[in-house]
C-alpha atoms as a PDB file:
ATOM      1  CA  MET A   1      54.885 193.373 105.740  1.00  0.00           C
ATOM      2  CA  LYS A   2      52.201 195.899 105.137  1.00  0.00           C
ATOM      3  CA  ARG A   3      52.218 195.991 101.327  1.00  0.00           C
ATOM      4  CA  LEU A   4      52.005 192.061 101.164  1.00  0.00           C
ATOM      5  CA  LEU A   5      49.049 192.498 103.302  1.00  0.00           C
ATOM      6  CA  ALA A   6      46.994 195.061 101.140  1.00  0.00           C
ATOM      7  CA  ALA A   7      48.200 193.045  97.936  1.00  0.00           C
ATOM      8  CA  LEU A   8      46.253 190.080  99.377  1.00  0.00           C
ATOM      9  CA  LEU A   9      43.551 191.391 101.021  1.00  0.00           C
ATOM     10  CA  THR A  10      43.220 192.995  97.209  1.00  0.00           C
ATOM     11  CA  PHE A  11      42.779 189.681  95.440  1.00  0.00           C
ATOM     12  CA  PHE A  12      40.243 188.566  98.114  1.00  0.00           C
ATOM     13  CA  ALA A  13      38.281 191.320  97.852  1.00  0.00           C
ATOM     14  CA  LEU A  14      37.926 191.184  94.142  1.00  0.00           C
ATOM     15  CA  LEU A  15      37.096 187.416  94.471  1.00  0.00           C
ATOM     16  CA  ALA A  16      34.785 188.262  96.972  1.00  0.00           C
ATOM     17  CA  LEU A  17      33.329 191.407  94.646  1.00  0.00           C
ATOM     18  CA  THR A  18      33.497 189.157  91.601  1.00  0.00           C
ATOM     19  CA  GLY A  19      31.452 186.563  93.056  1.00  0.00           C
ATOM     20  CA  CYS A  20      33.910 183.912  92.763  1.00  0.00           C
ATOM     21  CA  GLY A  21      33.274 181.152  96.042  1.00  0.00           C
ATOM     22  CA  GLY A  22      29.561 182.752  96.229  1.00  0.00           C
ATOM     23  CA  SER A  23      26.632 180.665  96.049  1.00  0.00           C
ATOM     24  CA  SER A  24      26.291 178.260  93.374  1.00  0.00           C
ATOM     25  CA  SER A  25      22.715 178.345  92.767  1.00  0.00           C
ATOM     26  CA  ASP A  26      21.150 179.768  89.171  1.00  0.00           C
ATOM     27  CA  GLY A  27      19.870 182.968  88.939  1.00  0.00           C
ATOM     28  CA  PRO A  28      22.300 185.998  89.728  1.00  0.00           C
ATOM     29  CA  HIS A  29      22.895 186.922  93.210  1.00  0.00           C
ATOM     30  CA  LEU A  30      23.959 189.993  95.466  1.00  0.00           C
ATOM     31  CA  LEU A  31      26.241 190.262  97.970  1.00  0.00           C
ATOM     32  CA  LEU A  32      24.903 192.304 101.231  1.00  0.00           C
ATOM     33  CA  TYR A  33      27.804 193.456 103.374  1.00  0.00           C
ATOM     34  CA  TYR A  34      27.683 193.640 107.791  1.00  0.00           C
ATOM     35  CA  PRO A  35      29.934 194.232 110.490  1.00  0.00           C
ATOM     36  CA  ALA A  36      31.411 191.188 111.666  1.00  0.00           C
ATOM     37  CA  PRO A  37      29.806 189.742 114.722  1.00  0.00           C
ATOM     38  CA  SER A  38      31.305 190.567 118.228  1.00  0.00           C
ATOM     39  CA  GLY A  39      33.623 188.105 119.742  1.00  0.00           C
ATOM     40  CA  GLY A  40      35.164 186.873 116.195  1.00  0.00           C
ATOM     41  CA  SER A  41      38.961 185.254 116.138  1.00  0.00           C
ATOM     42  CA  PRO A  42      41.172 187.958 116.636  1.00  0.00           C
ATOM     43  CA  GLY A  43      42.340 189.059 113.211  1.00  0.00           C
ATOM     44  CA  GLY A  44      39.264 187.890 111.431  1.00  0.00           C
ATOM     45  CA  ASP A  45      37.196 190.296 108.671  1.00  0.00           C
ATOM     46  CA  ALA A  46      35.627 193.562 110.228  1.00  0.00           C
ATOM     47  CA  ILE A  47      33.437 192.799 107.490  1.00  0.00           C
ATOM     48  CA  VAL A  48      31.527 189.839 106.162  1.00  0.00           C
ATOM     49  CA  SER A  49      28.954 189.237 103.411  1.00  0.00           C
ATOM     50  CA  ARG A  50      25.833 187.368 103.165  1.00  0.00           C
ATOM     51  CA  SER A  51      24.851 186.173  99.278  1.00  0.00           C
ATOM     52  CA  VAL A  52      20.997 186.927  98.944  1.00  0.00           C
ATOM     53  CA  ASP A  53      18.580 186.149  95.515  1.00  0.00           C
ATOM     54  CA  TRP A  54      18.508 189.071  92.941  1.00  0.00           C
ATOM     55  CA  ALA A  55      16.519 187.887  90.353  1.00  0.00           C
ATOM     56  CA  ALA A  56      13.801 189.683  91.211  1.00  0.00           C
ATOM     57  CA  ASN A  57      15.470 192.949  91.164  1.00  0.00           C
ATOM     58  CA  SER A  58      18.090 192.507  88.716  1.00  0.00           C
ATOM     59  CA  THR A  59      16.261 194.133  86.123  1.00  0.00           C
ATOM     60  CA  LEU A  60      14.507 197.211  88.206  1.00  0.00           C
ATOM     61  CA  PRO A  61      15.733 200.930  87.604  1.00  0.00           C
ATOM     62  CA  ALA A  62      18.990 201.170  89.020  1.00  0.00           C
ATOM     63  CA  GLU A  63      17.807 203.591  91.653  1.00  0.00           C
ATOM     64  CA  GLN A  64      15.015 200.727  92.633  1.00  0.00           C
ATOM     65  CA  GLN A  65      17.741 198.447  93.281  1.00  0.00           C
ATOM     66  CA  VAL A  66      19.638 200.800  95.541  1.00  0.00           C
ATOM     67  CA  ARG A  67      16.100 201.439  97.217  1.00  0.00           C
ATOM     68  CA  ARG A  68      15.879 197.854  98.000  1.00  0.00           C
ATOM     69  CA  VAL A  69      19.555 197.189  98.776  1.00  0.00           C
ATOM     70  CA  VAL A  70      19.266 200.166 101.429  1.00  0.00           C
ATOM     71  CA  SER A  71      16.080 198.747 102.696  1.00  0.00           C
ATOM     72  CA  LEU A  72      17.453 195.127 103.362  1.00  0.00           C
ATOM     73  CA  LEU A  73      20.645 196.718 104.726  1.00  0.00           C
ATOM     74  CA  LEU A  74      18.660 198.541 107.642  1.00  0.00           C
ATOM     75  CA  GLU A  75      17.218 195.048 108.361  1.00  0.00           C
ATOM     76  CA  ASP A  76      19.491 192.631 110.633  1.00  0.00           C
ATOM     77  CA  SER A  77      20.033 189.355 108.758  1.00  0.00           C
ATOM     78  CA  ALA A  78      16.785 186.982 108.548  1.00  0.00           C
ATOM     79  CA  ASP A  79      18.565 184.316 111.014  1.00  0.00           C
ATOM     80  CA  SER A  80      19.646 187.044 113.044  1.00  0.00           C
ATOM     81  CA  SER A  81      23.275 186.588 113.280  1.00  0.00           C
ATOM     82  CA  LEU A  82      24.552 189.637 110.977  1.00  0.00           C
ATOM     83  CA  GLU A  83      23.401 193.079 112.625  1.00  0.00           C
ATOM     84  CA  SER A  84      22.799 196.269 110.054  1.00  0.00           C
ATOM     85  CA  PRO A  85      25.439 198.331 110.256  1.00  0.00           C
ATOM     86  CA  ILE A  86      22.736 201.266 109.804  1.00  0.00           C
ATOM     87  CA  PRO A  87      21.315 202.610 113.336  1.00  0.00           C
ATOM     88  CA  ALA A  88      17.747 201.304 113.467  1.00  0.00           C
ATOM     89  CA  SER A  89      15.984 204.588 113.749  1.00  0.00           C
ATOM     90  CA  THR A  90      17.832 205.491 110.327  1.00  0.00           C
ATOM     91  CA  ARG A  91      15.571 206.644 107.332  1.00  0.00           C
ATOM     92  CA  LEU A  92      16.375 206.767 103.837  1.00  0.00           C
ATOM     93  CA  LEU A  93      15.442 210.167 102.635  1.00  0.00           C
ATOM     94  CA  ALA A  94      16.363 210.706  99.277  1.00  0.00           C
ATOM     95  CA  CYS A  95      18.230 208.321  96.659  1.00  0.00           C
ATOM     96  CA  GLN A  96      19.603 209.216  93.381  1.00  0.00           C
ATOM     97  CA  VAL A  97      21.480 207.577  90.348  1.00  0.00           C
ATOM     98  CA  SER A  98      23.513 209.525  88.214  1.00  0.00           C
ATOM     99  CA  ALA A  99      26.672 208.950  85.339  1.00  0.00           C
ATOM    100  CA  GLY A 100      27.553 206.059  87.502  1.00  0.00           C
ATOM    101  CA  ALA A 101      27.278 207.204  90.609  1.00  0.00           C
ATOM    102  CA  ALA A 102      24.736 206.428  93.573  1.00  0.00           C
ATOM    103  CA  TRP A 103      23.923 209.099  96.115  1.00  0.00           C
ATOM    104  CA  VAL A 104      21.563 208.212  99.080  1.00  0.00           C
ATOM    105  CA  ASP A 105      21.076 210.535 101.707  1.00  0.00           C
ATOM    106  CA  PHE A 106      19.924 209.365 105.445  1.00  0.00           C
ATOM    107  CA  SER A 107      18.347 210.713 108.132  1.00  0.00           C
ATOM    108  CA  SER A 108      20.241 212.086 111.515  1.00  0.00           C
ATOM    109  CA  ALA A 109      20.067 209.276 113.109  1.00  0.00           C
ATOM    110  CA  TYR A 110      23.038 207.778 110.449  1.00  0.00           C
ATOM    111  CA  GLY A 111      25.467 210.892 111.409  1.00  0.00           C
ATOM    112  CA  GLN A 112      24.889 209.719 115.138  1.00  0.00           C
ATOM    113  CA  LEU A 113      27.913 207.349 114.155  1.00  0.00           C
ATOM    114  CA  SER A 114      31.710 208.324 114.372  1.00  0.00           C
ATOM    115  CA  GLY A 115      35.151 206.502 114.302  1.00  0.00           C
ATOM    116  CA  MET A 116      34.937 203.096 113.104  1.00  0.00           C
ATOM    117  CA  GLU A 117      31.475 202.462 113.309  1.00  0.00           C
ATOM    118  CA  LEU A 118      30.830 205.600 111.082  1.00  0.00           C
ATOM    119  CA  THR A 119      34.138 203.634 108.804  1.00  0.00           C
ATOM    120  CA  ILE A 120      32.534 200.769 108.747  1.00  0.00           C
ATOM    121  CA  ALA A 121      29.244 201.782 107.971  1.00  0.00           C
ATOM    122  CA  ASP A 122      30.136 203.697 105.300  1.00  0.00           C
ATOM    123  CA  TYR A 123      31.800 200.819 103.652  1.00  0.00           C
ATOM    124  CA  CYS A 124      29.341 198.500 103.920  1.00  0.00           C
ATOM    125  CA  VAL A 125      26.953 200.394 102.291  1.00  0.00           C
ATOM    126  CA  THR A 126      29.180 200.654  99.406  1.00  0.00           C
ATOM    127  CA  LEU A 127      30.642 197.347  99.042  1.00  0.00           C
ATOM    128  CA  SER A 128      26.489 196.576  98.552  1.00  0.00           C
ATOM    129  CA  LEU A 129      25.723 199.299  95.903  1.00  0.00           C
ATOM    130  CA  SER A 130      28.846 199.004  94.144  1.00  0.00           C
ATOM    131  CA  GLN A 131      27.742 195.761  92.473  1.00  0.00           C
ATOM    132  CA  ILE A 132      24.623 197.052  91.227  1.00  0.00           C
ATOM    133  CA  VAL A 133      24.946 197.297  87.341  1.00  0.00           C
ATOM    134  CA  GLY A 134      26.563 200.672  86.379  1.00  0.00           C
ATOM    135  CA  ILE A 135      27.392 201.907  89.583  1.00  0.00           C
ATOM    136  CA  TYR A 136      31.041 202.920  90.740  1.00  0.00           C
ATOM    137  CA  SER A 137      30.857 205.325  93.500  1.00  0.00           C
ATOM    138  CA  VAL A 138      28.626 206.253  96.229  1.00  0.00           C
ATOM    139  CA  ARG A 139      28.268 209.206  97.729  1.00  0.00           C
ATOM    140  CA  ILE A 140      26.491 209.285 101.264  1.00  0.00           C
ATOM    141  CA  THR A 141      25.407 212.430 103.031  1.00  0.00           C
ATOM    142  CA  VAL A 142      22.654 212.926 106.407  1.00  0.00           C
ATOM    143  CA  ASN A 143      19.710 215.794 105.872  1.00  0.00           C
ATOM    144  CA  GLY A 144      21.311 216.752 102.489  1.00  0.00           C
ATOM    145  CA  THR A 145      24.827 217.508 104.423  1.00  0.00           C
ATOM    146  CA  GLU A 146      27.777 216.184 103.675  1.00  0.00           C
ATOM    147  CA  LEU A 147      30.324 214.859 107.242  1.00  0.00           C
ATOM    148  CA  VAL A 148      32.671 217.564 107.681  1.00  0.00           C
ATOM    149  CA  TYR A 149      34.628 215.276 109.635  1.00  0.00           C
ATOM    150  CA  ARG A 150      35.161 212.814 106.927  1.00  0.00           C
ATOM    151  CA  ASP A 151      38.092 212.961 104.536  1.00  0.00           C
ATOM    152  CA  SER A 152      35.610 212.096 101.673  1.00  0.00           C
ATOM    153  CA  ASN A 153      32.031 211.652 101.398  1.00  0.00           C
ATOM    154  CA  ILE A 154      32.586 209.903  97.946  1.00  0.00           C
ATOM    155  CA  PHE A 155      33.411 206.289  98.503  1.00  0.00           C
ATOM    156  CA  LEU A 156      34.669 203.599  96.247  1.00  0.00           C
ATOM    157  CA  ALA A 157      34.170 199.713  96.491  1.00  0.00           C
ATOM    158  CA  GLY A 158      38.088 199.802  96.031  1.00  0.00           C
ATOM    159  CA  ASP A 159      39.161 202.209  98.792  1.00  0.00           C
ATOM    160  CA  VAL A 160      39.028 200.210 102.102  1.00  0.00           C
ATOM    161  CA  LEU A 161      39.798 196.918 102.407  1.00  0.00           C
ATOM    162  CA  MET A 162      39.412 195.610 106.030  1.00  0.00           C
ATOM    163  CA  THR A 163      41.017 192.690 107.618  1.00  0.00           C
ATOM    164  CA  SER A 164      40.222 193.315 111.400  1.00  0.00           C
ATOM    165  CA  GLN A 165      38.372 196.460 113.141  1.00  0.00           C
ATOM    166  CA  ASP A 166      42.165 197.767 114.234  1.00  0.00           C
ATOM    167  CA  ASP A 167      43.432 197.698 110.708  1.00  0.00           C
ATOM    168  CA  VAL A 168      42.046 199.619 107.803  1.00  0.00           C
ATOM    169  CA  VAL A 169      43.706 199.601 104.754  1.00  0.00           C
ATOM    170  CA  GLN A 170      42.942 202.399 102.586  1.00  0.00           C
ATOM    171  CA  ASN A 171      44.606 202.372  98.774  1.00  0.00           C
ATOM    172  CA  LEU A 172      44.999 206.022  97.174  1.00  0.00           C
ATOM    173  CA  SER A 173      46.146 206.711  93.917  1.00  0.00           C
ATOM    174  CA  LEU A 174      47.955 210.055  93.811  1.00  0.00           C
ATOM    175  CA  ARG A 175      50.271 212.496  92.528  1.00  0.00           C
ATOM    176  CA  LEU A 176      53.060 213.986  94.077  1.00  0.00           C
ATOM    177  CA  TYR A 177      54.514 216.984  93.000  1.00  0.00           C
ATOM    178  CA  PHE A 178      58.770 217.021  92.951  1.00  0.00           C
ATOM    179  CA  PRO A 179      61.536 219.466  90.737  1.00  0.00           C
ATOM    180  CA  ASP A 180      62.669 218.172  87.796  1.00  0.00           C
ATOM    181  CA  ARG A 181      66.580 217.737  88.385  1.00  0.00           C
ATOM    182  CA  GLU A 182      66.928 219.496  84.794  1.00  0.00           C
ATOM    183  CA  THR A 183      64.588 222.036  84.629  1.00  0.00           C
ATOM    184  CA  GLY A 184      63.509 222.554  88.367  1.00  0.00           C
ATOM    185  CA  GLU A 185      59.631 222.104  87.361  1.00  0.00           C
ATOM    186  CA  LEU A 186      57.057 220.571  89.185  1.00  0.00           C
ATOM    187  CA  MET A 187      56.550 217.506  87.763  1.00  0.00           C
ATOM    188  CA  ALA A 188      53.709 214.832  89.015  1.00  0.00           C
ATOM    189  CA  GLU A 189      54.671 211.430  90.632  1.00  0.00           C
ATOM    190  CA  GLU A 190      52.274 208.371  90.300  1.00  0.00           C
ATOM    191  CA  ARG A 191      51.862 206.818  92.975  1.00  0.00           C
ATOM    192  CA  LEU A 192      49.818 204.343  95.196  1.00  0.00           C
ATOM    193  CA  LEU A 193      49.826 204.925  98.661  1.00  0.00           C
ATOM    194  CA  THR A 194      48.051 202.888 101.452  1.00  0.00           C
ATOM    195  CA  VAL A 195      46.770 204.194 104.597  1.00  0.00           C
ATOM    196  CA  TYR A 196      46.605 202.308 108.177  1.00  0.00           C
ATOM    197  CA  GLU A 197      43.991 202.683 110.963  1.00  0.00           C
ATOM    198  CA  GLY A 198      45.335 206.093 112.802  1.00  0.00           C
ATOM    199  CA  GLU A 199      46.714 207.529 109.529  1.00  0.00           C
ATOM    200  CA  SER A 200      45.528 210.375 107.528  1.00  0.00           C
ATOM    201  CA  GLN A 201      45.774 210.516 104.082  1.00  0.00           C
ATOM    202  CA  ALA A 202      47.972 214.215 104.360  1.00  0.00           C
ATOM    203  CA  GLU A 203      50.127 212.477 106.942  1.00  0.00           C
ATOM    204  CA  VAL A 204      50.922 209.410 104.401  1.00  0.00           C
ATOM    205  CA  ILE A 205      51.105 212.115 101.734  1.00  0.00           C
ATOM    206  CA  LEU A 206      53.684 214.401 103.536  1.00  0.00           C
ATOM    207  CA  SER A 207      55.709 211.009 104.986  1.00  0.00           C
ATOM    208  CA  ALA A 208      55.860 209.844 101.339  1.00  0.00           C
ATOM    209  CA  LEU A 209      57.342 213.155 100.234  1.00  0.00           C
ATOM    210  CA  LYS A 210      59.329 213.760 102.844  1.00  0.00           C
ATOM    211  CA  ALA A 211      61.073 210.015 101.643  1.00  0.00           C
ATOM    212  CA  GLY A 212      61.338 211.616  98.286  1.00  0.00           C
ATOM    213  CA  PRO A 213      60.946 210.562  94.330  1.00  0.00           C
ATOM    214  CA  GLU A 214      61.156 207.254  93.100  1.00  0.00           C
ATOM    215  CA  SER A 215      62.516 208.559  89.446  1.00  0.00           C
ATOM    216  CA  GLU A 216      66.238 209.680  89.285  1.00  0.00           C
ATOM    217  CA  SER A 217      64.969 212.350  86.884  1.00  0.00           C
ATOM    218  CA  LEU A 218      63.145 214.280  89.992  1.00  0.00           C
ATOM    219  CA  SER A 219      64.654 215.862  93.143  1.00  0.00           C
ATOM    220  CA  PRO A 220      63.553 215.942  96.687  1.00  0.00           C
ATOM    221  CA  LEU A 221      60.585 218.560  97.356  1.00  0.00           C
ATOM    222  CA  LEU A 222      61.129 219.022 100.921  1.00  0.00           C
ATOM    223  CA  PRO A 223      64.304 219.770 102.722  1.00  0.00           C
ATOM    224  CA  THR A 224      66.594 217.688 105.093  1.00  0.00           C
ATOM    225  CA  GLY A 225      64.864 217.975 108.506  1.00  0.00           C
ATOM    226  CA  PHE A 226      61.024 219.113 107.117  1.00  0.00           C
ATOM    227  CA  ALA A 227      58.938 218.360 110.207  1.00  0.00           C
ATOM    228  CA  VAL A 228      54.917 219.065 110.777  1.00  0.00           C
ATOM    229  CA  LEU A 229      53.834 219.530 114.081  1.00  0.00           C
ATOM    230  CA  THR A 230      49.842 219.178 113.002  1.00  0.00           C
ATOM    231  CA  VAL A 231      47.594 218.477 109.868  1.00  0.00           C
ATOM    232  CA  ARG A 232      43.689 218.122 109.914  1.00  0.00           C
ATOM    233  CA  THR A 233      41.201 218.705 106.837  1.00  0.00           C
ATOM    234  CA  GLU A 234      37.855 220.210 107.659  1.00  0.00           C
ATOM    235  CA  GLY A 235      35.441 222.070 104.780  1.00  0.00           C
ATOM    236  CA  GLY A 236      38.322 220.578 101.944  1.00  0.00           C
ATOM    237  CA  ILE A 237      41.089 222.853 103.513  1.00  0.00           C
ATOM    238  CA  CYS A 238      44.028 221.096 104.509  1.00  0.00           C
ATOM    239  CA  TYR A 239      45.508 222.389 107.466  1.00  0.00           C
ATOM    240  CA  LEU A 240      49.138 222.287 107.494  1.00  0.00           C
ATOM    241  CA  ASN A 241      50.548 223.284 111.006  1.00  0.00           C
ATOM    242  CA  LEU A 242      54.623 223.696 110.456  1.00  0.00           C
ATOM    243  CA  PRO A 243      57.213 224.918 113.116  1.00  0.00           C
ATOM    244  CA  LYS A 244      57.586 228.589 113.038  1.00  0.00           C
ATOM    245  CA  GLY A 245      61.653 228.296 114.392  1.00  0.00           C
ATOM    246  CA  ASP A 246      61.930 225.784 110.977  1.00  0.00           C
ATOM    247  CA  GLN A 247      61.820 228.615 108.867  1.00  0.00           C
ATOM    248  CA  TYR A 248      65.837 228.550 108.283  1.00  0.00           C
ATOM    249  CA  LEU A 249      65.322 225.009 106.191  1.00  0.00           C
ATOM    250  CA  MET A 250      63.492 226.452 103.476  1.00  0.00           C
ATOM    251  CA  PRO A 251      65.592 227.428  99.866  1.00  0.00           C
ATOM    252  CA  GLU A 252      66.903 230.298 100.147  1.00  0.00           C
ATOM    253  CA  ASP A 253      66.302 230.957  96.342  1.00  0.00           C
ATOM    254  CA  GLU A 254      62.971 232.814  96.268  1.00  0.00           C
ATOM    255  CA  THR A 255      61.775 230.592  92.990  1.00  0.00           C
ATOM    256  CA  GLU A 256      62.546 227.076  94.995  1.00  0.00           C
ATOM    257  CA  GLN A 257      60.694 228.883  98.202  1.00  0.00           C
ATOM    258  CA  GLN A 258      57.524 229.368  96.098  1.00  0.00           C
ATOM    259  CA  ARG A 259      58.397 225.649  94.121  1.00  0.00           C
ATOM    260  CA  MET A 260      58.550 223.707  97.307  1.00  0.00           C
ATOM    261  CA  VAL A 261      55.321 225.616  98.797  1.00  0.00           C
ATOM    262  CA  GLN A 262      53.482 224.823  95.715  1.00  0.00           C
ATOM    263  CA  GLY A 263      54.697 221.219  95.553  1.00  0.00           C
ATOM    264  CA  LEU A 264      52.998 220.729  98.929  1.00  0.00           C
ATOM    265  CA  VAL A 265      50.132 222.304  97.934  1.00  0.00           C
ATOM    266  CA  ASN A 266      49.951 220.238  95.015  1.00  0.00           C
ATOM    267  CA  SER A 267      50.450 217.012  96.087  1.00  0.00           C
ATOM    268  CA  LEU A 268      47.884 217.237  99.677  1.00  0.00           C
ATOM    269  CA  CYS A 269      45.446 218.419  96.795  1.00  0.00           C
ATOM    270  CA  SER A 270      45.241 215.304  95.076  1.00  0.00           C
ATOM    271  CA  ALA A 271      43.747 213.527  98.042  1.00  0.00           C
ATOM    272  CA  ARG A 272      39.924 213.537  97.417  1.00  0.00           C
ATOM    273  CA  GLY A 273      38.238 215.998  99.523  1.00  0.00           C
ATOM    274  CA  VAL A 274      41.149 218.417  99.720  1.00  0.00           C
ATOM    275  CA  ARG A 275      40.470 221.290  96.923  1.00  0.00           C
ATOM    276  CA  GLN A 276      42.976 224.140  99.321  1.00  0.00           C
ATOM    277  CA  ILE A 277      45.849 224.268 101.361  1.00  0.00           C
ATOM    278  CA  GLN A 278      46.176 226.745 104.353  1.00  0.00           C
ATOM    279  CA  LEU A 279      50.032 226.839 106.078  1.00  0.00           C
ATOM    280  CA  LEU A 280      49.829 227.733 109.617  1.00  0.00           C
ATOM    281  CA  LEU A 281      53.085 228.420 111.572  1.00  0.00           C
ATOM    282  CA  ASP A 282      52.807 227.256 115.176  1.00  0.00           C
ATOM    283  CA  GLY A 283      49.418 227.058 115.319  1.00  0.00           C
ATOM    284  CA  GLU A 284      48.726 230.939 114.048  1.00  0.00           C
ATOM    285  CA  VAL A 285      47.977 232.320 110.613  1.00  0.00           C
ATOM    286  CA  ALA A 286      51.088 233.981 109.315  1.00  0.00           C
ATOM    287  CA  SER A 287      51.757 236.486 106.797  1.00  0.00           C
ATOM    288  CA  SER A 288      54.955 234.739 105.644  1.00  0.00           C
ATOM    289  CA  LEU A 289      56.905 231.667 105.165  1.00  0.00           C
ATOM    290  CA  GLY A 290      60.551 232.955 103.981  1.00  0.00           C
ATOM    291  CA  SER A 291      59.381 234.872 101.089  1.00  0.00           C
ATOM    292  CA  VAL A 292      55.994 233.088 100.055  1.00  0.00           C
ATOM    293  CA  GLU A 293      52.480 234.816 101.422  1.00  0.00           C
ATOM    294  CA  ILE A 294      51.067 231.912 103.310  1.00  0.00           C
ATOM    295  CA  SER A 295      48.082 234.382 105.097  1.00  0.00           C
ATOM    296  CA  GLN A 296      45.371 233.099 102.450  1.00  0.00           C
ATOM    297  CA  PRO A 297      44.936 229.387 101.376  1.00  0.00           C
ATOM    298  CA  PHE A 298      46.752 228.363  98.106  1.00  0.00           C
ATOM    299  CA  SER A 299      44.873 226.375  95.590  1.00  0.00           C
ATOM    300  CA  PRO A 300      46.498 223.516  93.414  1.00  0.00           C
ATOM    301  CA  ILE A 301      48.255 224.607  90.031  1.00  0.00           C
ATOM    302  CA  ARG A 302      48.924 221.684  87.564  1.00  0.00           C
END
């Protein structure tokens, strides 16, 4: 059911972003995105849009168009039916467009957002700016600094599609690593995984690794019964907390142990914003997992 929902959301998002069903008046238009008004119907959209005439802005340099979009988003809609996704006291401190990426830096008021309000604000900004010709990704910072409690501070228009504030769908194109049945070497398997509200990227990757590879030429990476106590990402490091008592599940062969750990590292580091993996045992940094030294963070090996 969730896969079907994700497919339908993708279809309708593409309709919105390509302008289908939009204003029929002549001239270029742009959609500005806002949080859906409170009190809407259950299961309704969490983000809604309004169309604005963009004819006077479409020929401006991309950076000036970005500033204009942000300026409009900082205001409530003209008819007062939609509230700005950005806190009223927020100021745009800096703006830059380079190589298809727009960077916007907000004042500290934006950093006061958290949880669903932050998610909605991020994607209202991203969906609005991504319609400017030549902009494919958006980086959002506060006072020149990335927010450490985000999985990533760089956004794509297709990353998050929302049906309600209780159901956020994030489609991730990732590489999961499994041993080749014949050679034992780690091989990448391309996957499109869906993250729902309440799930993290790392949790979804671990679930997919536990389920095993889709290709018959690959073997499972993780042993039966493999468990994770907690997983969190801070400052680009994913902390994977394993039960100390489950070390008996490790393969007996040292090479296979190394391969299992490196497969975990490579897979988790395919998520945006994850650069290294630190393995913990019962919440503590340990010297080894089986024969594998784990006192320092691991980096991916492709």
